[in-house]
């Protein structure tokens, strides 16, 4: 909810004619981080990219303000072969709010990870799917609060 809240606070500050440069810099900093993330994932190698997690957080089907929506759209815009798996996604809601993303969603983890050269982990719960990741895959773990063991696979924590 941070982006929405920051926009609301800065809007109120504008209406009150109050300068809030630190608060304004938060959104700019987050966007810079997202652009860097796209670059890192894009530079991680060629081939198919599988993203684990599209929703804002685990246990919710909310994709509003999810940075992974930006990641997915950006990589698709770079014409990368990309797909996503997220058990929490509500496909009906996704079709209404983000129809352009539906074609990238895989309903089964095996369908998303089977031929993945790069796997981007964006939320907790990935450890239960680690066994189906190809041994040659590069795993970019962006959700570093959770450690998991992947034998014979490269794991990079960011």
N, C-alpha and C. Protein backbone atom coordinates (compact mmCIF):
# COMPACT_ATOMS: atom_id res chain seq x y z
N UNK A 1 0.81 -1.21 0.00
CA UNK A 1 0.00 0.00 0.00
C UNK A 1 0.85 1.27 0.00
N UNK A 2 2.15 1.12 0.12
CA UNK A 2 3.02 2.29 0.23
C UNK A 2 2.85 3.28 -0.93
N UNK A 3 2.88 2.85 -2.18
CA UNK A 3 2.74 3.84 -3.27
C UNK A 3 1.43 4.63 -3.18
N UNK A 4 0.34 3.92 -2.92
CA UNK A 4 -0.96 4.59 -2.80
C UNK A 4 -0.95 5.59 -1.65
N UNK A 5 -0.42 5.17 -0.52
CA UNK A 5 -0.38 6.05 0.64
C UNK A 5 0.53 7.25 0.41
N UNK A 6 1.66 7.05 -0.22
CA UNK A 6 2.58 8.17 -0.50
C UNK A 6 1.94 9.17 -1.45
N UNK A 7 1.23 8.66 -2.46
CA UNK A 7 0.54 9.58 -3.38
C UNK A 7 -0.53 10.38 -2.64
N UNK A 8 -1.24 9.73 -1.74
CA UNK A 8 -2.28 10.44 -0.98
C UNK A 8 -1.67 11.49 -0.07
N UNK A 9 -0.59 11.14 0.61
CA UNK A 9 0.05 12.10 1.53
C UNK A 9 0.62 13.28 0.77
N UNK A 10 1.30 13.02 -0.35
CA UNK A 10 1.88 14.13 -1.10
C UNK A 10 0.79 14.99 -1.74
N UNK A 11 -0.33 14.38 -2.09
CA UNK A 11 -1.46 15.17 -2.61
C UNK A 11 -2.00 16.10 -1.52
N UNK A 12 -2.16 15.57 -0.32
CA UNK A 12 -2.62 16.42 0.79
C UNK A 12 -1.61 17.53 1.08
N UNK A 13 -0.32 17.19 1.01
CA UNK A 13 0.71 18.21 1.23
C UNK A 13 0.63 19.29 0.17
N UNK A 14 0.40 18.92 -1.08
CA UNK A 14 0.25 19.90 -2.15
C UNK A 14 -0.93 20.82 -1.89
N UNK A 15 -2.05 20.24 -1.47
CA UNK A 15 -3.24 21.04 -1.18
C UNK A 15 -3.00 22.02 -0.03
N UNK A 16 -2.14 21.61 0.92
CA UNK A 16 -1.84 22.48 2.07
C UNK A 16 -0.62 23.36 1.80
N UNK A 17 -0.05 23.22 0.59
CA UNK A 17 1.13 24.00 0.20
C UNK A 17 2.32 23.73 1.14
N UNK A 18 2.51 22.45 1.47
CA UNK A 18 3.59 22.02 2.35
C UNK A 18 4.59 21.20 1.53
N UNK A 19 5.86 21.52 1.66
CA UNK A 19 6.91 20.77 0.96
C UNK A 19 7.24 19.50 1.74
N UNK A 20 7.28 18.37 1.05
CA UNK A 20 7.62 17.08 1.66
C UNK A 20 8.61 16.34 0.76
N UNK A 21 9.81 16.86 0.59
CA UNK A 21 10.75 16.26 -0.36
C UNK A 21 11.16 14.83 0.00
N UNK A 22 11.28 14.52 1.26
CA UNK A 22 11.67 13.16 1.64
C UNK A 22 10.57 12.17 1.25
N UNK A 23 9.33 12.53 1.51
CA UNK A 23 8.23 11.64 1.14
C UNK A 23 8.14 11.48 -0.37
N UNK A 24 8.34 12.55 -1.11
CA UNK A 24 8.31 12.47 -2.57
C UNK A 24 9.42 11.57 -3.11
N UNK A 25 10.54 11.58 -2.43
CA UNK A 25 11.67 10.77 -2.91
C UNK A 25 11.43 9.28 -2.73
N UNK A 26 10.52 8.89 -1.87
CA UNK A 26 10.25 7.47 -1.63
C UNK A 26 9.72 6.80 -2.90
N UNK A 27 8.73 7.41 -3.53
CA UNK A 27 8.18 6.83 -4.76
C UNK A 27 9.22 6.79 -5.87
N UNK A 28 9.99 7.86 -5.98
CA UNK A 28 11.05 7.91 -6.99
C UNK A 28 12.09 6.82 -6.73
N UNK A 29 12.46 6.64 -5.48
CA UNK A 29 13.43 5.62 -5.11
C UNK A 29 12.89 4.22 -5.40
N UNK A 30 11.63 3.98 -5.06
CA UNK A 30 11.03 2.67 -5.35
C UNK A 30 11.01 2.39 -6.85
N UNK A 31 10.68 3.41 -7.65
CA UNK A 31 10.64 3.20 -9.11
C UNK A 31 12.04 2.93 -9.65
N UNK A 32 13.02 3.62 -9.12
CA UNK A 32 14.40 3.36 -9.54
C UNK A 32 14.79 1.92 -9.20
N UNK A 33 14.40 1.47 -8.02
CA UNK A 33 14.66 0.08 -7.64
C UNK A 33 14.00 -0.91 -8.57
N UNK A 34 12.78 -0.63 -8.99
CA UNK A 34 12.08 -1.51 -9.92
C UNK A 34 12.77 -1.54 -11.29
N UNK A 35 13.20 -0.39 -11.76
CA UNK A 35 13.92 -0.36 -13.04
C UNK A 35 15.22 -1.15 -12.94
N UNK A 36 15.91 -1.02 -11.81
CA UNK A 36 17.14 -1.80 -11.61
C UNK A 36 16.84 -3.30 -11.56
N UNK A 37 15.73 -3.66 -10.94
CA UNK A 37 15.33 -5.06 -10.89
C UNK A 37 15.10 -5.61 -12.28
N UNK A 38 14.40 -4.87 -13.12
CA UNK A 38 14.15 -5.31 -14.49
C UNK A 38 15.49 -5.52 -15.21
N UNK A 39 16.40 -4.60 -15.04
CA UNK A 39 17.72 -4.72 -15.67
C UNK A 39 18.45 -5.95 -15.17
N UNK A 40 18.44 -6.18 -13.87
CA UNK A 40 19.14 -7.35 -13.30
C UNK A 40 18.56 -8.65 -13.83
N UNK A 41 17.24 -8.74 -13.84
CA UNK A 41 16.61 -9.98 -14.33
C UNK A 41 16.90 -10.14 -15.82
N UNK A 42 16.78 -9.09 -16.58
CA UNK A 42 17.03 -9.15 -18.01
C UNK A 42 18.48 -9.53 -18.30
N UNK A 43 19.41 -9.04 -17.47
CA UNK A 43 20.83 -9.32 -17.67
C UNK A 43 21.27 -10.67 -17.11
N UNK A 44 20.39 -11.36 -16.39
CA UNK A 44 20.76 -12.62 -15.73
C UNK A 44 21.01 -13.74 -16.73
N UNK A 45 20.58 -13.56 -17.94
CA UNK A 45 20.80 -14.58 -18.95
C UNK A 45 19.69 -14.56 -19.98
N UNK A 46 19.90 -15.36 -20.99
CA UNK A 46 18.89 -15.47 -22.03
C UNK A 46 17.99 -16.65 -21.71
N UNK A 47 16.95 -16.78 -22.44
CA UNK A 47 16.05 -17.91 -22.24
C UNK A 47 14.81 -17.52 -21.47
N UNK A 48 14.10 -18.54 -21.10
CA UNK A 48 12.79 -18.38 -20.47
C UNK A 48 12.90 -17.92 -19.02
N UNK A 49 12.08 -16.96 -18.65
CA UNK A 49 12.04 -16.43 -17.29
C UNK A 49 10.72 -16.84 -16.66
N UNK A 50 10.79 -17.48 -15.50
CA UNK A 50 9.60 -17.82 -14.73
C UNK A 50 9.61 -16.98 -13.46
N UNK A 51 8.49 -16.33 -13.18
CA UNK A 51 8.36 -15.51 -11.99
C UNK A 51 7.46 -16.24 -11.01
N UNK A 52 7.94 -16.40 -9.78
CA UNK A 52 7.11 -16.99 -8.73
C UNK A 52 6.57 -15.85 -7.88
N UNK A 53 5.31 -15.53 -8.10
CA UNK A 53 4.66 -14.48 -7.33
C UNK A 53 4.32 -13.28 -8.18
N UNK A 54 3.06 -12.94 -8.21
CA UNK A 54 2.59 -11.75 -8.90
C UNK A 54 1.76 -10.87 -7.96
N UNK A 55 1.15 -11.50 -6.99
CA UNK A 55 0.31 -10.76 -6.05
C UNK A 55 1.16 -9.90 -5.14
N UNK A 56 0.51 -8.93 -4.53
CA UNK A 56 1.18 -7.97 -3.67
C UNK A 56 1.91 -8.64 -2.51
N UNK A 57 1.29 -9.67 -1.94
CA UNK A 57 1.93 -10.43 -0.87
C UNK A 57 1.24 -11.78 -0.76
N UNK A 58 1.86 -12.69 -0.04
CA UNK A 58 1.29 -14.03 0.14
C UNK A 58 -0.02 -13.98 0.89
N UNK A 59 -0.91 -14.88 0.50
CA UNK A 59 -2.19 -14.97 1.18
C UNK A 59 -3.25 -14.01 0.68
N UNK A 60 -2.95 -13.28 -0.38
CA UNK A 60 -3.94 -12.35 -0.95
C UNK A 60 -3.89 -12.46 -2.46
N UNK A 61 -5.03 -12.16 -3.10
CA UNK A 61 -5.06 -12.17 -4.57
C UNK A 61 -4.90 -10.76 -5.13
N UNK A 62 -4.52 -9.83 -4.29
CA UNK A 62 -4.40 -8.42 -4.66
C UNK A 62 -3.13 -8.17 -5.48
N UNK A 63 -3.31 -7.68 -6.69
CA UNK A 63 -2.16 -7.34 -7.53
C UNK A 63 -2.01 -5.83 -7.70
N UNK A 64 -2.93 -5.07 -7.06
CA UNK A 64 -2.81 -3.62 -7.13
C UNK A 64 -1.49 -3.20 -6.49
N UNK A 65 -0.76 -2.34 -7.15
CA UNK A 65 0.50 -1.80 -6.65
C UNK A 65 1.59 -2.86 -6.50
N UNK A 66 1.36 -4.05 -7.03
CA UNK A 66 2.38 -5.09 -6.93
C UNK A 66 3.55 -4.75 -7.85
N UNK A 67 4.76 -4.70 -7.31
CA UNK A 67 5.91 -4.42 -8.15
C UNK A 67 6.15 -5.51 -9.19
N UNK A 68 5.63 -6.69 -8.96
CA UNK A 68 5.85 -7.78 -9.90
C UNK A 68 5.02 -7.59 -11.17
N UNK A 69 3.94 -6.84 -11.09
CA UNK A 69 3.19 -6.49 -12.30
C UNK A 69 4.09 -5.64 -13.20
N UNK A 70 4.77 -4.69 -12.60
CA UNK A 70 5.72 -3.85 -13.36
C UNK A 70 6.83 -4.72 -13.95
N UNK A 71 7.38 -5.64 -13.15
CA UNK A 71 8.44 -6.53 -13.63
C UNK A 71 7.96 -7.35 -14.81
N UNK A 72 6.80 -7.97 -14.68
CA UNK A 72 6.27 -8.82 -15.76
C UNK A 72 6.02 -8.01 -17.02
N UNK A 73 5.37 -6.86 -16.89
CA UNK A 73 5.11 -6.04 -18.08
C UNK A 73 6.41 -5.55 -18.72
N UNK A 74 7.37 -5.19 -17.92
CA UNK A 74 8.64 -4.68 -18.45
C UNK A 74 9.38 -5.77 -19.20
N UNK A 75 9.46 -6.96 -18.62
CA UNK A 75 10.16 -8.06 -19.29
C UNK A 75 9.44 -8.46 -20.57
N UNK A 76 8.12 -8.49 -20.53
CA UNK A 76 7.35 -8.80 -21.74
C UNK A 76 7.58 -7.73 -22.80
N UNK A 77 7.69 -6.48 -22.36
CA UNK A 77 7.96 -5.37 -23.28
C UNK A 77 9.34 -5.45 -23.91
N UNK A 78 10.25 -6.15 -23.24
CA UNK A 78 11.59 -6.37 -23.79
C UNK A 78 11.62 -7.63 -24.65
N UNK A 79 10.43 -8.17 -24.89
CA UNK A 79 10.25 -9.37 -25.71
C UNK A 79 10.96 -10.58 -25.15
N UNK A 80 10.97 -10.69 -23.82
CA UNK A 80 11.51 -11.87 -23.16
C UNK A 80 10.41 -12.93 -23.06
N UNK A 81 10.81 -14.18 -23.12
CA UNK A 81 9.88 -15.29 -22.93
C UNK A 81 9.67 -15.41 -21.43
N UNK A 82 8.53 -14.96 -20.95
CA UNK A 82 8.29 -14.85 -19.51
C UNK A 82 6.93 -15.44 -19.15
N UNK A 83 6.88 -16.08 -17.99
CA UNK A 83 5.62 -16.58 -17.47
C UNK A 83 5.64 -16.40 -15.95
N UNK A 84 4.48 -16.59 -15.34
CA UNK A 84 4.36 -16.39 -13.90
C UNK A 84 3.47 -17.46 -13.30
N UNK A 85 3.84 -17.86 -12.10
CA UNK A 85 2.98 -18.75 -11.31
C UNK A 85 2.76 -18.12 -9.95
N UNK A 86 1.51 -18.10 -9.53
CA UNK A 86 1.16 -17.60 -8.20
C UNK A 86 -0.15 -18.26 -7.80
N UNK A 87 -0.10 -19.11 -6.78
CA UNK A 87 -1.28 -19.84 -6.33
C UNK A 87 -2.37 -18.91 -5.82
N UNK A 88 -2.00 -17.69 -5.44
CA UNK A 88 -2.97 -16.75 -4.87
C UNK A 88 -3.73 -15.94 -5.92
N UNK A 89 -3.35 -16.02 -7.16
CA UNK A 89 -4.00 -15.20 -8.19
C UNK A 89 -5.46 -15.62 -8.39
N UNK A 90 -6.31 -14.64 -8.44
CA UNK A 90 -7.71 -14.84 -8.79
C UNK A 90 -7.82 -14.48 -10.27
N UNK A 91 -7.97 -15.49 -11.10
CA UNK A 91 -7.96 -15.26 -12.55
C UNK A 91 -9.13 -14.40 -13.02
N UNK A 92 -10.27 -14.49 -12.37
CA UNK A 92 -11.41 -13.66 -12.75
C UNK A 92 -11.07 -12.19 -12.54
N UNK A 93 -10.52 -11.87 -11.38
CA UNK A 93 -10.13 -10.49 -11.09
C UNK A 93 -9.02 -10.04 -12.02
N UNK A 94 -8.05 -10.91 -12.27
CA UNK A 94 -6.95 -10.56 -13.16
C UNK A 94 -7.46 -10.24 -14.56
N UNK A 95 -8.41 -11.02 -15.04
CA UNK A 95 -8.98 -10.77 -16.38
C UNK A 95 -9.65 -9.40 -16.45
N UNK A 96 -10.25 -8.98 -15.35
CA UNK A 96 -10.94 -7.69 -15.32
C UNK A 96 -9.94 -6.54 -15.18
N UNK A 97 -9.00 -6.67 -14.25
CA UNK A 97 -8.11 -5.56 -13.91
C UNK A 97 -6.82 -5.51 -14.74
N UNK A 98 -6.35 -6.67 -15.20
CA UNK A 98 -5.08 -6.73 -15.93
C UNK A 98 -5.18 -7.79 -17.03
N UNK A 99 -6.10 -7.62 -17.93
CA UNK A 99 -6.34 -8.62 -18.98
C UNK A 99 -5.08 -8.95 -19.78
N UNK A 100 -4.20 -7.97 -19.93
CA UNK A 100 -2.98 -8.18 -20.72
C UNK A 100 -2.01 -9.17 -20.04
N UNK A 101 -2.18 -9.42 -18.76
CA UNK A 101 -1.26 -10.31 -18.04
C UNK A 101 -1.70 -11.77 -18.03
N UNK A 102 -2.96 -12.02 -18.34
CA UNK A 102 -3.51 -13.37 -18.24
C UNK A 102 -2.70 -14.37 -19.06
N UNK A 103 -2.26 -13.99 -20.24
CA UNK A 103 -1.55 -14.93 -21.11
C UNK A 103 -0.21 -15.39 -20.54
N UNK A 104 0.32 -14.69 -19.56
CA UNK A 104 1.59 -15.07 -18.96
C UNK A 104 1.44 -15.99 -17.76
N UNK A 105 0.24 -16.11 -17.23
CA UNK A 105 0.00 -16.88 -16.01
C UNK A 105 -0.12 -18.36 -16.33
N UNK A 106 0.56 -19.16 -15.55
CA UNK A 106 0.46 -20.61 -15.64
C UNK A 106 -0.27 -21.09 -14.40
N UNK A 107 -1.21 -22.01 -14.59
CA UNK A 107 -2.02 -22.46 -13.48
C UNK A 107 -1.34 -23.52 -12.63
N UNK A 108 -0.33 -24.17 -13.18
CA UNK A 108 0.41 -25.19 -12.43
C UNK A 108 1.89 -24.79 -12.36
N UNK A 109 2.51 -24.99 -11.20
CA UNK A 109 3.92 -24.61 -11.09
C UNK A 109 4.81 -25.34 -12.09
N UNK A 110 4.52 -26.61 -12.36
CA UNK A 110 5.34 -27.36 -13.31
C UNK A 110 5.32 -26.72 -14.69
N UNK A 111 4.19 -26.15 -15.07
CA UNK A 111 4.08 -25.50 -16.38
C UNK A 111 4.93 -24.22 -16.44
N UNK A 112 5.08 -23.57 -15.32
CA UNK A 112 5.86 -22.33 -15.28
C UNK A 112 7.36 -22.61 -15.20
N UNK A 113 7.74 -23.58 -14.40
CA UNK A 113 9.16 -23.77 -14.10
C UNK A 113 9.87 -24.81 -14.96
N UNK A 114 9.13 -25.65 -15.69
CA UNK A 114 9.71 -26.78 -16.40
C UNK A 114 10.88 -26.41 -17.30
N UNK A 115 10.75 -25.39 -18.10
CA UNK A 115 11.81 -25.02 -19.04
C UNK A 115 12.46 -23.69 -18.69
N UNK A 116 12.36 -23.29 -17.45
CA UNK A 116 12.87 -21.97 -17.05
C UNK A 116 14.39 -21.95 -16.97
N UNK A 117 14.96 -20.96 -17.61
CA UNK A 117 16.40 -20.72 -17.49
C UNK A 117 16.69 -19.83 -16.29
N UNK A 118 15.73 -18.96 -15.98
CA UNK A 118 15.84 -18.04 -14.86
C UNK A 118 14.53 -18.12 -14.08
N UNK A 119 14.63 -18.25 -12.77
CA UNK A 119 13.46 -18.24 -11.91
C UNK A 119 13.61 -17.07 -10.95
N UNK A 120 12.61 -16.20 -10.94
CA UNK A 120 12.63 -15.03 -10.07
C UNK A 120 11.62 -15.28 -8.94
N UNK A 121 12.13 -15.37 -7.72
CA UNK A 121 11.29 -15.65 -6.55
C UNK A 121 10.90 -14.32 -5.92
N UNK A 122 9.60 -14.07 -5.84
CA UNK A 122 9.11 -12.77 -5.38
C UNK A 122 8.24 -12.85 -4.13
N UNK A 123 8.03 -14.02 -3.61
CA UNK A 123 7.22 -14.14 -2.40
C UNK A 123 7.50 -15.46 -1.71
N UNK A 124 7.05 -15.59 -0.48
CA UNK A 124 7.32 -16.82 0.26
C UNK A 124 6.49 -17.97 -0.26
N UNK A 125 6.95 -19.16 0.02
CA UNK A 125 6.26 -20.37 -0.41
C UNK A 125 6.95 -21.09 -1.54
N UNK A 126 8.02 -20.52 -2.06
CA UNK A 126 8.71 -21.11 -3.20
C UNK A 126 9.37 -22.44 -2.86
N UNK A 127 9.81 -22.60 -1.62
CA UNK A 127 10.56 -23.79 -1.24
C UNK A 127 9.82 -25.08 -1.56
N UNK A 128 8.50 -25.06 -1.54
CA UNK A 128 7.73 -26.27 -1.86
C UNK A 128 7.77 -26.62 -3.34
N UNK A 129 8.28 -25.72 -4.17
CA UNK A 129 8.35 -25.96 -5.62
C UNK A 129 9.80 -26.11 -6.10
N UNK A 130 10.76 -25.96 -5.22
CA UNK A 130 12.17 -25.96 -5.62
C UNK A 130 12.59 -27.25 -6.33
N UNK A 131 12.00 -28.36 -5.98
CA UNK A 131 12.39 -29.64 -6.57
C UNK A 131 12.10 -29.73 -8.06
N UNK A 132 11.18 -28.95 -8.56
CA UNK A 132 10.83 -29.05 -9.99
C UNK A 132 11.59 -28.04 -10.86
N UNK A 133 12.48 -27.27 -10.25
CA UNK A 133 13.27 -26.30 -11.00
C UNK A 133 14.41 -27.04 -11.72
N UNK A 134 14.60 -26.79 -13.01
CA UNK A 134 15.72 -27.44 -13.72
C UNK A 134 17.06 -27.12 -13.06
N UNK A 135 17.95 -28.09 -13.04
CA UNK A 135 19.26 -27.92 -12.39
C UNK A 135 20.06 -26.78 -13.00
N UNK A 136 19.83 -26.48 -14.24
CA UNK A 136 20.59 -25.43 -14.91
C UNK A 136 20.02 -24.02 -14.69
N UNK A 137 18.90 -23.93 -14.01
CA UNK A 137 18.25 -22.63 -13.80
C UNK A 137 19.05 -21.73 -12.87
N UNK A 138 19.02 -20.45 -13.18
CA UNK A 138 19.54 -19.43 -12.27
C UNK A 138 18.34 -18.97 -11.46
N UNK A 139 18.47 -18.99 -10.14
CA UNK A 139 17.38 -18.57 -9.26
C UNK A 139 17.74 -17.24 -8.63
N UNK A 140 16.92 -16.23 -8.92
CA UNK A 140 17.08 -14.91 -8.32
C UNK A 140 16.07 -14.81 -7.19
N UNK A 141 16.54 -14.90 -5.97
CA UNK A 141 15.64 -14.89 -4.82
C UNK A 141 15.48 -13.46 -4.33
N UNK A 142 14.39 -12.83 -4.70
CA UNK A 142 14.11 -11.47 -4.27
C UNK A 142 13.37 -11.43 -2.94
N UNK A 143 12.95 -12.57 -2.50
CA UNK A 143 12.27 -12.69 -1.22
C UNK A 143 13.25 -13.33 -0.25
N UNK A 144 14.23 -12.58 0.20
CA UNK A 144 15.34 -13.17 0.94
C UNK A 144 15.07 -13.44 2.40
N UNK A 145 13.85 -13.19 2.89
CA UNK A 145 13.55 -13.55 4.28
C UNK A 145 13.41 -15.06 4.42
N UNK A 146 13.25 -15.74 3.32
CA UNK A 146 13.04 -17.18 3.36
C UNK A 146 14.20 -17.84 2.62
N UNK A 147 14.89 -18.71 3.29
CA UNK A 147 15.99 -19.45 2.65
C UNK A 147 15.49 -20.81 2.21
N UNK A 148 15.99 -21.30 1.15
CA UNK A 148 15.64 -22.64 0.72
C UNK A 148 16.86 -23.26 0.06
N UNK A 149 16.89 -24.55 0.08
CA UNK A 149 18.02 -25.28 -0.49
C UNK A 149 17.65 -25.75 -1.89
N UNK A 150 18.51 -25.47 -2.82
CA UNK A 150 18.33 -25.94 -4.19
C UNK A 150 19.65 -26.57 -4.60
N UNK A 151 19.71 -27.87 -4.59
CA UNK A 151 20.96 -28.54 -4.94
C UNK A 151 21.21 -28.42 -6.43
N UNK A 152 22.47 -28.25 -6.79
CA UNK A 152 22.90 -28.17 -8.18
C UNK A 152 22.31 -27.00 -8.95
N UNK A 153 21.83 -26.00 -8.25
CA UNK A 153 21.28 -24.84 -8.92
C UNK A 153 21.99 -23.60 -8.40
N UNK A 154 22.10 -22.61 -9.26
CA UNK A 154 22.71 -21.35 -8.84
C UNK A 154 21.64 -20.52 -8.14
N UNK A 155 22.01 -19.95 -7.00
CA UNK A 155 21.07 -19.10 -6.31
C UNK A 155 21.75 -17.76 -6.03
N UNK A 156 21.11 -16.70 -6.44
CA UNK A 156 21.62 -15.37 -6.19
C UNK A 156 20.60 -14.62 -5.35
N UNK A 157 21.06 -14.09 -4.25
CA UNK A 157 20.17 -13.31 -3.39
C UNK A 157 20.39 -11.84 -3.67
N UNK A 158 19.32 -11.10 -3.85
CA UNK A 158 19.41 -9.66 -4.08
C UNK A 158 18.75 -8.94 -2.94
